[in-house]
Amino acid sequence: MTTEQEERVLRRIERARRRKARIRDERVTLAHGAGGKATQTLVEAVFLEAFDNPLLAPLEDQAVFPACGARLAFTTDSYVVAPLFFPGGDIGDLAVNGTVNDLAMAGARPLYLSAGFILEEGFPVADLVRIAGSMARAAGAAGVQVVTGDTKVVERGKADGLYVNTAGVGAVEHPLTLGAGQARPGDAVLVSGPVGDHGTTVMLARGELGIESDVVSDTAPLASLVAALLDACGEGVRCLRDATRGGVATVLNEIARASDVAVVLDEPAVPVRDAVRGAAELLGIDPLYIACEGRMAVVVDGACADAALAALRGHPLGEHAAVVGRVVAEPASLVLVNTEFGGTRIVDMLIGDPLPRIC
């Protein structure tokens, strides 16, 4: 493809991305819950259209707002993972850590959580006790309390065993505005550790592939890791995103789009465990799209890259952190990867998700 043809393609992509979201489907599909383009369209065309307000409009994983002389962060999430128990965790600690991490991505100190349980008739009480205990231990490790909740029971076959909804409140104790729209050309992009562990673990735990592996979920609370990064870099931190549904590729696309910049990744620099890479190759999936539950993508001022890397590696949850790319001005709103073979490819959002029900 000539340079002129490439520029035409990029202009066409840019025009398509700037069109107002319209949902053409008559019914919701699994793709709408996968975190990719279909999810983005559903959120923008239905929910943002209905509820549009200045706090919701940035479509961050939390809202940050002033209240009684303080700054608070508020988030909510629902968990529908299958299987409910997997190596390294279960739906209980996943729910706590996922909600705590959404608060932490605003630089907030998590304080309190709610927990709502939708139980299916016939669900084993022993499993419920095990999950509640897991949530309690995860909350203790994250320094939060579960202070309110709700329980509903539905007919057998209507809830796949158990769904969990959580909401969280945290205190923002710094003046920074972190968000997907803050990235600038010259910034550095980091990840806090190997990508794709959680999604691969859940996929293998289903037993459908007949693959044995020692990979375990990376589910973990990231607030203390974020605090170390903020202490080291302060105003140099632009954006934090935990790479859950859709993986690192999806969150970087969100950042590129919100900031109207390009993100260029160095493929060999992205840390991926051998077991994750092997499973991904068998399924024809790029590890960049596989969900994490204890990893974050970080954008910092390029001058802070070394300090950020040192801060992350100095924490137990970031010891394998890496600088994986940079932010540039063009082509705006795209994520590019410089491959280990010397080529360059576009890493776009997927329509759906090749690994459903992973969080």
Protein backbone atom coordinates (compact mmCIF):
# COMPACT_ATOMS: atom_id res chain seq x y z
CA MET A 1 0.00 0.00 0.00
CA THR A 2 1.39 3.42 -0.97
CA THR A 3 1.71 6.32 1.47
CA GLU A 4 -1.15 8.11 -0.29
CA GLN A 5 -3.40 5.05 0.05
CA GLU A 6 -2.47 4.72 3.73
CA GLU A 7 -3.42 8.35 4.34
CA ARG A 8 -6.79 7.84 2.64
CA VAL A 9 -7.49 4.79 4.81
CA LEU A 10 -6.54 6.69 7.96
CA ARG A 11 -8.77 9.63 7.02
CA ARG A 12 -11.66 7.24 6.40
CA ILE A 13 -11.13 5.60 9.82
CA GLU A 14 -11.01 9.01 11.46
CA ARG A 15 -14.28 10.13 9.84
CA ALA A 16 -15.99 6.93 10.92
CA ARG A 17 -14.81 7.31 14.50
CA ARG A 18 -16.08 10.87 14.77
CA ARG A 19 -19.61 10.02 13.68
CA LYS A 20 -22.22 10.10 16.42
CA ALA A 21 -22.76 6.60 17.81
CA ARG A 22 -25.89 4.87 16.53
CA ILE A 23 -26.98 1.41 17.57
CA ARG A 24 -28.39 -0.56 14.65
CA ASP A 25 -28.99 -3.87 16.43
CA GLU A 26 -32.56 -4.69 17.36
CA ARG A 27 -31.49 -6.94 20.24
CA VAL A 28 -28.61 -7.00 22.70
CA THR A 29 -25.89 -9.54 21.91
CA LEU A 30 -22.94 -10.89 23.90
CA ALA A 31 -20.71 -8.52 21.95
CA HIS A 32 -22.41 -5.58 23.64
CA GLY A 33 -20.96 -6.70 26.97
CA ALA A 34 -17.45 -7.50 25.79
CA GLY A 35 -15.82 -4.10 26.21
CA GLY A 36 -15.04 -3.45 22.53
CA LYS A 37 -16.68 -1.40 19.79
CA ALA A 38 -20.13 -2.89 20.35
CA THR A 39 -20.01 -1.99 24.04
CA GLN A 40 -18.81 1.51 23.23
CA THR A 41 -21.66 2.00 20.78
CA LEU A 42 -24.23 0.70 23.26
CA VAL A 43 -22.96 2.96 26.04
CA GLU A 44 -22.78 6.08 23.89
CA ALA A 45 -25.96 5.59 21.86
CA VAL A 46 -28.21 4.41 24.71
CA PHE A 47 -26.89 5.29 28.15
CA LEU A 48 -24.91 8.45 27.45
CA GLU A 49 -27.77 9.70 25.28
CA ALA A 50 -30.24 9.14 28.14
CA PHE A 51 -28.14 10.24 31.11
CA ASP A 52 -25.71 12.75 29.62
CA ASN A 53 -24.14 15.08 32.19
CA PRO A 54 -20.67 16.54 32.80
CA LEU A 55 -19.66 13.83 35.28
CA LEU A 56 -20.72 10.96 33.01
CA ALA A 57 -19.60 12.41 29.68
CA PRO A 58 -15.87 11.50 29.99
CA LEU A 59 -16.93 7.83 30.33
CA GLU A 60 -14.19 7.06 32.82
CA ASP A 61 -14.47 4.02 35.07
CA GLN A 62 -15.51 6.32 37.90
CA ALA A 63 -16.88 9.81 38.49
CA VAL A 64 -14.92 12.35 40.53
CA PHE A 65 -16.86 15.18 42.14
CA PRO A 66 -16.71 17.69 45.04
CA ALA A 67 -18.76 16.96 48.15
CA CYS A 68 -18.73 18.76 51.52
CA GLY A 69 -15.32 20.29 50.91
CA ALA A 70 -13.72 17.05 49.72
CA ARG A 71 -13.21 15.30 46.37
CA LEU A 72 -14.81 11.88 46.09
CA ALA A 73 -14.65 9.13 43.49
CA PHE A 74 -17.64 6.86 42.89
CA THR A 75 -17.88 3.72 40.78
CA THR A 76 -20.04 0.65 40.22
CA ASP A 77 -19.50 -2.67 38.47
CA SER A 78 -21.12 -6.08 38.01
CA TYR A 79 -19.40 -9.46 37.86
CA VAL A 80 -20.59 -12.45 35.83
CA VAL A 81 -17.46 -14.58 35.50
CA ALA A 82 -17.68 -18.25 34.55
CA PRO A 83 -16.45 -20.36 36.25
CA LEU A 84 -17.04 -18.72 39.62
CA PHE A 85 -13.82 -20.22 41.03
CA PHE A 86 -10.54 -20.20 39.10
CA PRO A 87 -6.81 -20.46 39.88
CA GLY A 88 -5.75 -17.37 41.81
CA GLY A 89 -9.22 -16.14 42.73
CA ASP A 90 -12.98 -16.28 42.46
CA ILE A 91 -15.91 -14.00 41.72
CA GLY A 92 -15.73 -12.63 45.28
CA ASP A 93 -12.22 -11.19 45.36
CA LEU A 94 -12.62 -10.25 41.70
CA ALA A 95 -15.60 -8.05 42.61
CA VAL A 96 -13.76 -6.30 45.44
CA ASN A 97 -10.51 -5.80 43.56
CA GLY A 98 -12.22 -4.67 40.37
CA THR A 99 -14.18 -1.97 42.17
CA VAL A 100 -11.23 -0.85 44.29
CA ASN A 101 -9.13 -0.58 41.14
CA ASP A 102 -11.66 1.56 39.31
CA LEU A 103 -11.41 4.03 42.20
CA ALA A 104 -7.63 3.79 42.24
CA MET A 105 -7.42 4.71 38.55
CA ALA A 106 -8.59 8.20 39.56
CA GLY A 107 -5.84 8.27 42.18
CA ALA A 108 -8.47 7.83 44.89
CA ARG A 109 -8.01 6.11 48.24
CA PRO A 110 -10.78 3.48 48.34
CA LEU A 111 -12.95 3.65 51.47
CA TYR A 112 -16.29 1.83 51.30
CA LEU A 113 -18.04 -0.72 49.11
CA SER A 114 -21.55 -2.03 48.62
CA ALA A 115 -22.25 -5.61 47.58
CA GLY A 116 -25.36 -6.85 45.79
CA PHE A 117 -25.93 -10.57 45.17
CA ILE A 118 -28.28 -12.07 42.58
CA LEU A 119 -28.56 -15.73 43.55
CA GLU A 120 -30.09 -18.55 41.58
CA GLU A 121 -32.43 -20.92 43.34
CA GLY A 122 -30.45 -24.04 44.26
CA PHE A 123 -27.07 -22.29 44.55
CA PRO A 124 -24.92 -24.14 47.14
CA VAL A 125 -24.78 -22.28 50.45
CA ALA A 126 -21.24 -23.58 50.99
CA ASP A 127 -20.12 -21.82 47.81
CA LEU A 128 -21.82 -18.60 48.90
CA VAL A 129 -20.02 -18.76 52.27
CA ARG A 130 -16.72 -19.33 50.46
CA ILE A 131 -17.31 -16.35 48.15
CA ALA A 132 -18.34 -14.05 51.00
CA GLY A 133 -15.19 -15.03 52.89
CA SER A 134 -13.09 -14.32 49.82
CA MET A 135 -14.68 -10.88 49.52
CA ALA A 136 -14.01 -10.16 53.20
CA ARG A 137 -10.34 -11.09 52.87
CA ALA A 138 -9.96 -9.03 49.69
CA ALA A 139 -11.63 -6.03 51.34
CA GLY A 140 -9.29 -6.33 54.31
CA ALA A 141 -6.25 -6.49 52.03
CA ALA A 142 -7.48 -3.42 50.11
CA GLY A 143 -8.24 -1.44 53.28
CA VAL A 144 -11.95 -1.04 52.57
CA GLN A 145 -15.18 -2.10 54.27
CA VAL A 146 -18.33 -3.55 52.75
CA VAL A 147 -20.91 -1.34 54.48
CA THR A 148 -24.19 -2.00 52.66
CA GLY A 149 -25.69 -4.51 50.28
CA ASP A 150 -28.65 -6.34 48.84
CA THR A 151 -29.70 -9.91 48.05
CA LYS A 152 -32.11 -11.19 45.44
CA VAL A 153 -32.99 -14.79 44.57
CA VAL A 154 -34.31 -15.70 41.11
CA GLU A 155 -35.73 -18.90 39.69
CA ARG A 156 -33.51 -21.85 38.89
CA GLY A 157 -31.75 -21.35 35.54
CA LYS A 158 -32.16 -17.56 35.51
CA ALA A 159 -28.80 -16.34 36.89
CA ASP A 160 -26.06 -18.85 36.09
CA GLY A 161 -25.53 -19.46 39.79
CA LEU A 162 -24.48 -16.06 41.07
CA TYR A 163 -23.97 -12.50 39.86
CA VAL A 164 -22.34 -9.85 42.06
CA ASN A 165 -22.72 -6.08 41.82
CA THR A 166 -20.48 -3.73 43.76
CA ALA A 167 -20.20 0.03 44.11
CA GLY A 168 -17.39 1.94 45.76
CA VAL A 169 -16.55 5.35 47.20
CA GLY A 170 -13.06 6.75 47.63
CA ALA A 171 -11.33 9.97 48.63
CA VAL A 172 -9.27 11.90 46.08
CA GLU A 173 -6.55 13.51 48.18
CA HIS A 174 -4.60 15.28 45.44
CA PRO A 175 -5.41 18.09 42.98
CA LEU A 176 -4.64 16.08 39.83
CA THR A 177 -7.13 15.40 37.06
CA LEU A 178 -6.35 11.96 35.70
CA GLY A 179 -8.22 10.65 32.69
CA ALA A 180 -8.16 9.24 29.19
CA GLY A 181 -8.27 12.74 27.71
CA GLN A 182 -5.04 13.90 29.37
CA ALA A 183 -2.41 12.17 27.18
CA ARG A 184 -0.08 14.39 25.16
CA PRO A 185 2.52 13.82 22.43
CA GLY A 186 5.83 12.99 24.06
CA ASP A 187 4.27 11.00 26.90
CA ALA A 188 5.45 7.49 27.76
CA VAL A 189 3.20 4.44 28.04
CA LEU A 190 3.86 1.75 30.64
CA VAL A 191 2.16 -1.42 31.86
CA SER A 192 2.52 -2.54 35.46
CA GLY A 193 3.21 -6.19 34.66
CA PRO A 194 2.60 -9.14 32.32
CA VAL A 195 -0.66 -8.83 30.39
CA GLY A 196 -3.42 -11.35 29.78
CA ASP A 197 -3.03 -13.53 32.89
CA HIS A 198 -6.62 -13.27 34.12
CA GLY A 199 -8.40 -13.89 30.83
CA THR A 200 -6.15 -16.83 30.03
CA THR A 201 -6.64 -18.35 33.48
CA VAL A 202 -10.43 -18.17 33.25
CA MET A 203 -10.43 -19.54 29.72
CA LEU A 204 -8.29 -22.54 30.71
CA ALA A 205 -10.32 -23.10 33.91
CA ARG A 206 -13.36 -23.87 31.76
CA GLY A 207 -11.60 -27.05 30.63
CA GLU A 208 -12.75 -26.74 27.05
CA LEU A 209 -9.25 -26.69 25.54
CA GLY A 210 -7.71 -29.52 27.53
CA ILE A 211 -4.61 -27.42 28.24
CA GLU A 212 -2.82 -27.61 31.58
CA SER A 213 -0.95 -24.51 32.75
CA ASP A 214 0.40 -22.94 35.94
CA VAL A 215 -0.83 -19.45 35.00
CA VAL A 216 -3.09 -17.87 37.63
CA SER A 217 -5.30 -14.79 37.67
CA ASP A 218 -3.56 -11.51 38.45
CA THR A 219 -6.53 -10.17 40.44
CA ALA A 220 -5.18 -7.72 43.04
CA PRO A 221 -5.92 -4.29 44.57
CA LEU A 222 -3.84 -1.57 42.90
CA ALA A 223 -4.41 1.46 45.15
CA SER A 224 -1.05 1.18 46.95
CA LEU A 225 0.76 0.78 43.62
CA VAL A 226 -0.98 3.90 42.32
CA ALA A 227 -0.02 5.79 45.49
CA ALA A 228 3.64 4.90 44.95
CA LEU A 229 3.46 6.11 41.35
CA LEU A 230 1.81 9.41 42.33
CA ASP A 231 4.39 9.98 45.06
CA ALA A 232 7.18 9.49 42.52
CA CYS A 233 5.76 11.42 39.56
CA GLY A 234 3.02 13.75 40.83
CA GLU A 235 1.79 16.02 38.05
CA GLY A 236 3.69 13.93 35.52
CA VAL A 237 0.99 11.24 35.69
CA ARG A 238 -1.60 11.75 32.93
CA CYS A 239 -3.80 8.68 32.90
CA LEU A 240 -4.29 5.32 34.60
CA ARG A 241 -6.49 2.51 33.33
CA ASP A 242 -6.88 -1.02 34.65
CA ALA A 243 -6.85 -3.26 31.61
CA THR A 244 -9.92 -5.41 32.24
CA ARG A 245 -12.43 -6.25 29.47
CA GLY A 246 -10.73 -5.89 26.10
CA GLY A 247 -7.25 -5.79 27.64
CA VAL A 248 -4.47 -3.26 27.12
CA ALA A 249 -5.39 -2.75 23.46
CA THR A 250 -8.88 -1.52 24.32
CA VAL A 251 -7.88 0.91 27.07
CA LEU A 252 -5.13 2.40 24.91
CA ASN A 253 -7.65 2.92 22.10
CA GLU A 254 -9.89 4.74 24.57
CA ILE A 255 -6.98 6.97 25.57
CA ALA A 256 -5.95 7.66 21.98
CA ARG A 257 -9.50 8.58 21.04
CA ALA A 258 -10.21 10.74 24.11
CA SER A 259 -6.91 12.63 23.81
CA ASP A 260 -6.92 12.85 19.99
CA VAL A 261 -3.42 11.39 19.84
CA ALA A 262 -1.75 8.23 18.59
CA VAL A 263 -0.24 5.56 20.81
CA VAL A 264 2.69 3.63 19.37
CA LEU A 265 3.62 0.38 21.10
CA ASP A 266 6.85 -1.59 20.86
CA GLU A 267 5.63 -5.19 20.65
CA PRO A 268 8.78 -6.87 22.02
CA ALA A 269 8.63 -4.60 25.08
CA VAL A 270 5.15 -5.77 26.15
CA PRO A 271 5.56 -8.36 28.94
CA VAL A 272 3.57 -11.56 28.27
CA ARG A 273 4.05 -14.86 30.08
CA ASP A 274 4.94 -17.84 27.89
CA ALA A 275 1.81 -19.75 28.95
CA VAL A 276 -0.39 -16.78 28.03
CA ARG A 277 1.34 -16.33 24.70
CA GLY A 278 1.01 -20.04 23.92
CA ALA A 279 -2.70 -20.15 24.73
CA ALA A 280 -3.27 -16.98 22.72
CA GLU A 281 -1.50 -18.45 19.70
CA LEU A 282 -3.64 -21.59 19.87
CA LEU A 283 -6.78 -19.48 19.82
CA GLY A 284 -5.52 -16.89 17.34
CA ILE A 285 -5.88 -14.07 19.90
CA ASP A 286 -3.52 -11.16 20.40
CA PRO A 287 -2.50 -11.05 24.12
CA LEU A 288 -3.04 -7.30 24.03
CA TYR A 289 -6.80 -7.98 23.94
CA ILE A 290 -6.87 -10.46 26.84
CA ALA A 291 -8.25 -9.13 30.13
CA CYS A 292 -6.16 -8.41 33.21
CA GLU A 293 -7.50 -7.83 36.73
CA GLY A 294 -4.38 -6.64 38.52
CA ARG A 295 -2.55 -4.70 35.83
CA MET A 296 -2.83 -1.11 34.72
CA ALA A 297 -1.79 0.91 31.70
CA VAL A 298 -0.04 4.13 32.68
CA VAL A 299 0.58 7.29 30.68
CA VAL A 300 3.13 9.73 32.10
CA ASP A 301 5.09 12.72 30.91
CA GLY A 302 8.02 11.36 28.94
CA ALA A 303 10.44 13.05 31.32
CA CYS A 304 8.97 10.97 34.17
CA ALA A 305 9.23 7.60 32.45
CA ASP A 306 12.29 6.41 34.39
CA ALA A 307 10.89 7.58 37.72
CA ALA A 308 7.55 5.94 36.98
CA LEU A 309 9.19 2.66 36.02
CA ALA A 310 11.31 2.67 39.18
CA ALA A 311 8.26 3.40 41.36
CA LEU A 312 6.26 0.58 39.79
CA ARG A 313 9.10 -1.94 39.97
CA GLY A 314 9.71 -1.02 43.60
CA HIS A 315 6.26 -2.33 44.53
CA PRO A 316 5.43 -6.08 44.73
CA LEU A 317 2.56 -5.67 42.24
CA GLY A 318 4.72 -3.85 39.71
CA GLU A 319 8.04 -5.67 39.78
CA HIS A 320 7.70 -6.69 36.11
CA ALA A 321 6.51 -3.28 34.88
CA ALA A 322 7.78 -2.08 31.52
CA VAL A 323 7.82 0.98 29.28
CA VAL A 324 5.97 -0.29 26.23
CA GLY A 325 5.35 2.72 24.01
CA ARG A 326 4.94 6.43 23.47
CA VAL A 327 2.31 8.98 22.60
CA VAL A 328 2.64 10.90 19.32
CA ALA A 329 0.45 13.40 17.52
CA GLU A 330 -0.43 11.44 14.38
CA PRO A 331 -2.32 9.46 13.19
CA ALA A 332 -4.77 10.78 15.76
CA SER A 333 -7.07 8.37 17.63
CA LEU A 334 -5.19 5.24 16.58
CA VAL A 335 -3.03 2.67 18.36
CA LEU A 336 -0.13 1.30 16.33
CA VAL A 337 2.26 -1.52 17.14
CA ASN A 338 5.81 -1.77 15.85
CA THR A 339 6.19 -5.53 15.53
CA GLU A 340 9.23 -7.62 16.31
CA PHE A 341 9.53 -8.31 12.57
CA GLY A 342 9.99 -4.64 11.73
CA GLY A 343 6.48 -3.87 10.47
CA THR A 344 3.72 -1.69 11.87
CA ARG A 345 0.07 -2.63 12.35
CA ILE A 346 -3.05 -0.94 13.65
CA VAL A 347 -4.46 -2.33 16.91
CA ASP A 348 -8.10 -1.33 16.81
CA MET A 349 -10.92 -2.08 19.23
CA LEU A 350 -12.56 -5.44 18.62
CA ILE A 351 -16.26 -5.58 17.83
CA GLY A 352 -16.79 -8.18 20.53
CA ASP A 353 -14.58 -10.30 22.77
CA PRO A 354 -13.14 -13.74 21.95
CA LEU A 355 -13.25 -14.60 25.70
CA PRO A 356 -16.72 -13.79 27.08
CA ARG A 357 -17.65 -13.94 30.79
CA ILE A 358 -14.20 -13.22 32.21
CA CYS A 359 -15.15 -10.52 34.73
